[in-house]
Amino acid sequence: MQSPETTAMLGHRVLGRRPLAHRALRRLAEEDGAATAEYAITIMAAVGFAGILVVILKSGEVQGILTDLVRRALTVAG
């Protein structure tokens, strides 16, 4: 057992243990796996964006606009 003087000198350490709040803050500050989670979120956003683009590009109106654009470009170039 530690003497009261030793406990006072150690400040936050009592019997070799840190206070619960300090341990909780330290765990929150750890970033293990943070990069993997960020990559997963980025990939999910890209997949969602790609899905929206596919739906938009499959619509008849957008296909007509793109076809007209390509025809005009080929007419000018040809």
N, C-alpha and C. Protein backbone atom coordinates (compact mmCIF):
# COMPACT_ATOMS: atom_id res chain seq x y z
N MET A 1 0.84 -1.18 0.00
CA MET A 1 0.00 0.00 0.00
C MET A 1 0.88 1.23 0.00
N GLN A 2 0.44 2.26 -0.69
CA GLN A 2 1.21 3.49 -0.79
C GLN A 2 0.89 4.40 0.39
N SER A 3 1.88 5.17 0.75
CA SER A 3 1.66 6.14 1.82
C SER A 3 0.86 7.32 1.27
N PRO A 4 0.20 8.08 2.13
CA PRO A 4 -0.54 9.26 1.65
C PRO A 4 0.34 10.25 0.90
N GLU A 5 1.61 10.36 1.31
CA GLU A 5 2.51 11.27 0.63
C GLU A 5 2.78 10.81 -0.81
N THR A 6 2.97 9.50 -0.97
CA THR A 6 3.22 8.96 -2.31
C THR A 6 2.00 9.15 -3.19
N THR A 7 0.83 8.91 -2.64
CA THR A 7 -0.40 9.10 -3.40
C THR A 7 -0.56 10.55 -3.82
N ALA A 8 -0.26 11.48 -2.94
CA ALA A 8 -0.37 12.90 -3.25
C ALA A 8 0.65 13.30 -4.32
N MET A 9 1.86 12.72 -4.28
CA MET A 9 2.89 13.05 -5.26
C MET A 9 2.52 12.52 -6.65
N LEU A 10 1.86 11.38 -6.69
CA LEU A 10 1.49 10.81 -7.98
C LEU A 10 0.33 11.54 -8.62
N GLY A 11 -0.44 12.27 -7.84
CA GLY A 11 -1.53 13.07 -8.38
C GLY A 11 -2.67 12.20 -8.86
N HIS A 12 -2.74 11.93 -10.16
CA HIS A 12 -3.86 11.21 -10.73
C HIS A 12 -3.77 9.70 -10.53
N ARG A 13 -2.64 9.21 -10.10
CA ARG A 13 -2.50 7.76 -9.94
C ARG A 13 -2.77 7.37 -8.49
N VAL A 14 -3.70 6.48 -8.33
CA VAL A 14 -3.98 5.94 -7.02
C VAL A 14 -3.93 4.43 -7.15
N LEU A 15 -3.03 3.82 -6.43
CA LEU A 15 -2.82 2.38 -6.49
C LEU A 15 -2.54 1.91 -7.91
N GLY A 16 -1.83 2.73 -8.70
CA GLY A 16 -1.41 2.33 -10.04
C GLY A 16 -2.50 2.39 -11.08
N ARG A 17 -3.65 2.94 -10.77
CA ARG A 17 -4.74 3.02 -11.74
C ARG A 17 -5.04 4.47 -12.08
N ARG A 18 -5.39 4.70 -13.32
CA ARG A 18 -5.78 6.04 -13.74
C ARG A 18 -7.28 6.20 -13.53
N PRO A 19 -7.73 7.42 -13.34
CA PRO A 19 -9.17 7.64 -13.17
C PRO A 19 -9.93 7.21 -14.42
N LEU A 20 -11.17 6.85 -14.23
CA LEU A 20 -12.02 6.37 -15.33
C LEU A 20 -12.13 7.39 -16.44
N ALA A 21 -12.27 8.66 -16.12
CA ALA A 21 -12.41 9.70 -17.14
C ALA A 21 -11.16 9.77 -18.02
N HIS A 22 -10.00 9.64 -17.42
CA HIS A 22 -8.75 9.70 -18.18
C HIS A 22 -8.66 8.51 -19.13
N ARG A 23 -9.01 7.33 -18.64
CA ARG A 23 -8.98 6.14 -19.51
C ARG A 23 -9.98 6.26 -20.65
N ALA A 24 -11.17 6.81 -20.37
CA ALA A 24 -12.19 6.96 -21.41
C ALA A 24 -11.73 7.96 -22.47
N LEU A 25 -11.13 9.08 -22.06
CA LEU A 25 -10.64 10.06 -23.02
C LEU A 25 -9.51 9.48 -23.86
N ARG A 26 -8.67 8.70 -23.25
CA ARG A 26 -7.57 8.09 -24.01
C ARG A 26 -8.10 7.13 -25.06
N ARG A 27 -9.12 6.36 -24.71
CA ARG A 27 -9.70 5.43 -25.69
C ARG A 27 -10.37 6.19 -26.82
N LEU A 28 -11.01 7.31 -26.51
CA LEU A 28 -11.65 8.11 -27.55
C LEU A 28 -10.61 8.72 -28.49
N ALA A 29 -9.43 9.01 -27.99
CA ALA A 29 -8.39 9.63 -28.78
C ALA A 29 -7.68 8.63 -29.68
N GLU A 30 -7.78 7.35 -29.39
CA GLU A 30 -7.14 6.33 -30.22
C GLU A 30 -7.83 6.29 -31.57
N GLU A 31 -7.03 6.15 -32.62
CA GLU A 31 -7.59 6.17 -33.97
C GLU A 31 -7.38 4.84 -34.69
N ASP A 32 -7.25 3.76 -33.98
CA ASP A 32 -7.10 2.46 -34.62
C ASP A 32 -8.33 2.16 -35.45
N GLY A 33 -8.14 1.89 -36.72
CA GLY A 33 -9.25 1.56 -37.60
C GLY A 33 -9.95 2.76 -38.19
N ALA A 34 -9.51 3.97 -37.87
CA ALA A 34 -10.19 5.16 -38.39
C ALA A 34 -10.02 5.27 -39.90
N ALA A 35 -8.84 4.95 -40.40
CA ALA A 35 -8.61 5.04 -41.84
C ALA A 35 -9.50 4.05 -42.59
N THR A 36 -9.63 2.85 -42.05
CA THR A 36 -10.48 1.85 -42.69
C THR A 36 -11.93 2.31 -42.73
N ALA A 37 -12.40 2.90 -41.67
CA ALA A 37 -13.78 3.40 -41.64
C ALA A 37 -13.96 4.54 -42.64
N GLU A 38 -12.95 5.41 -42.75
CA GLU A 38 -13.04 6.51 -43.71
C GLU A 38 -13.08 5.99 -45.14
N TYR A 39 -12.26 4.98 -45.43
CA TYR A 39 -12.28 4.38 -46.77
C TYR A 39 -13.64 3.75 -47.05
N ALA A 40 -14.21 3.07 -46.08
CA ALA A 40 -15.51 2.43 -46.27
C ALA A 40 -16.59 3.47 -46.56
N ILE A 41 -16.58 4.57 -45.83
CA ILE A 41 -17.57 5.63 -46.05
C ILE A 41 -17.38 6.24 -47.44
N THR A 42 -16.14 6.47 -47.84
CA THR A 42 -15.86 7.04 -49.16
C THR A 42 -16.33 6.11 -50.27
N ILE A 43 -16.07 4.83 -50.12
CA ILE A 43 -16.49 3.86 -51.13
C ILE A 43 -18.01 3.80 -51.23
N MET A 44 -18.70 3.82 -50.08
CA MET A 44 -20.16 3.79 -50.10
C MET A 44 -20.72 5.05 -50.78
N ALA A 45 -20.11 6.19 -50.54
CA ALA A 45 -20.56 7.42 -51.19
C ALA A 45 -20.34 7.35 -52.71
N ALA A 46 -19.19 6.80 -53.12
CA ALA A 46 -18.90 6.67 -54.55
C ALA A 46 -19.88 5.71 -55.23
N VAL A 47 -20.21 4.62 -54.56
CA VAL A 47 -21.17 3.67 -55.11
C VAL A 47 -22.55 4.32 -55.26
N GLY A 48 -22.95 5.07 -54.26
CA GLY A 48 -24.23 5.78 -54.33
C GLY A 48 -24.25 6.79 -55.47
N PHE A 49 -23.16 7.53 -55.62
CA PHE A 49 -23.06 8.51 -56.70
C PHE A 49 -23.10 7.83 -58.06
N ALA A 50 -22.39 6.71 -58.19
CA ALA A 50 -22.39 5.96 -59.45
C ALA A 50 -23.80 5.45 -59.77
N GLY A 51 -24.51 4.99 -58.77
CA GLY A 51 -25.88 4.52 -58.98
C GLY A 51 -26.79 5.63 -59.48
N ILE A 52 -26.64 6.80 -58.91
CA ILE A 52 -27.45 7.94 -59.35
C ILE A 52 -27.11 8.31 -60.79
N LEU A 53 -25.81 8.30 -61.14
CA LEU A 53 -25.41 8.60 -62.51
C LEU A 53 -25.99 7.59 -63.50
N VAL A 54 -25.99 6.33 -63.15
CA VAL A 54 -26.54 5.30 -64.04
C VAL A 54 -28.02 5.56 -64.28
N VAL A 55 -28.75 5.87 -63.23
CA VAL A 55 -30.19 6.14 -63.38
C VAL A 55 -30.41 7.36 -64.27
N ILE A 56 -29.62 8.41 -64.06
CA ILE A 56 -29.78 9.63 -64.86
C ILE A 56 -29.43 9.37 -66.32
N LEU A 57 -28.32 8.67 -66.55
CA LEU A 57 -27.87 8.46 -67.93
C LEU A 57 -28.76 7.48 -68.69
N LYS A 58 -29.52 6.65 -68.00
CA LYS A 58 -30.42 5.71 -68.67
C LYS A 58 -31.73 6.38 -69.09
N SER A 59 -32.00 7.56 -68.60
CA SER A 59 -33.26 8.22 -68.95
C SER A 59 -33.23 8.62 -70.43
N GLY A 60 -34.38 8.58 -71.06
CA GLY A 60 -34.47 8.88 -72.49
C GLY A 60 -34.07 10.30 -72.83
N GLU A 61 -34.42 11.23 -71.98
CA GLU A 61 -34.10 12.63 -72.24
C GLU A 61 -32.60 12.86 -72.26
N VAL A 62 -31.89 12.30 -71.28
CA VAL A 62 -30.43 12.48 -71.21
C VAL A 62 -29.76 11.76 -72.38
N GLN A 63 -30.24 10.58 -72.73
CA GLN A 63 -29.68 9.87 -73.88
C GLN A 63 -29.84 10.68 -75.16
N GLY A 64 -31.00 11.33 -75.31
CA GLY A 64 -31.22 12.17 -76.48
C GLY A 64 -30.27 13.35 -76.52
N ILE A 65 -30.07 13.97 -75.38
CA ILE A 65 -29.14 15.11 -75.30
C ILE A 65 -27.73 14.67 -75.66
N LEU A 66 -27.29 13.55 -75.11
CA LEU A 66 -25.93 13.07 -75.37
C LEU A 66 -25.77 12.65 -76.84
N THR A 67 -26.79 11.98 -77.39
CA THR A 67 -26.73 11.57 -78.80
C THR A 67 -26.64 12.80 -79.70
N ASP A 68 -27.45 13.82 -79.42
CA ASP A 68 -27.41 15.05 -80.20
C ASP A 68 -26.06 15.74 -80.09
N LEU A 69 -25.50 15.74 -78.90
CA LEU A 69 -24.19 16.36 -78.69
C LEU A 69 -23.11 15.65 -79.51
N VAL A 70 -23.13 14.33 -79.51
CA VAL A 70 -22.15 13.56 -80.27
C VAL A 70 -22.34 13.77 -81.76
N ARG A 71 -23.59 13.78 -82.24
CA ARG A 71 -23.83 14.01 -83.67
C ARG A 71 -23.32 15.38 -84.11
N ARG A 72 -23.58 16.42 -83.29
CA ARG A 72 -23.12 17.75 -83.65
C ARG A 72 -21.59 17.82 -83.65
N ALA A 73 -20.97 17.16 -82.69
CA ALA A 73 -19.51 17.16 -82.63
C ALA A 73 -18.92 16.46 -83.85
N LEU A 74 -19.54 15.35 -84.27
CA LEU A 74 -19.03 14.63 -85.43
C LEU A 74 -19.29 15.40 -86.73
N THR A 75 -20.39 16.13 -86.79
CA THR A 75 -20.71 16.92 -87.98
C THR A 75 -19.72 18.07 -88.15
N VAL A 76 -19.37 18.72 -87.06
CA VAL A 76 -18.43 19.82 -87.11
C VAL A 76 -17.04 19.30 -87.47
N ALA A 77 -16.67 18.17 -86.89
CA ALA A 77 -15.33 17.60 -87.11
C ALA A 77 -15.22 16.98 -88.50
N GLY A 78 -16.32 16.46 -89.04
CA GLY A 78 -16.27 15.72 -90.31
C GLY A 78 -16.37 16.62 -91.44
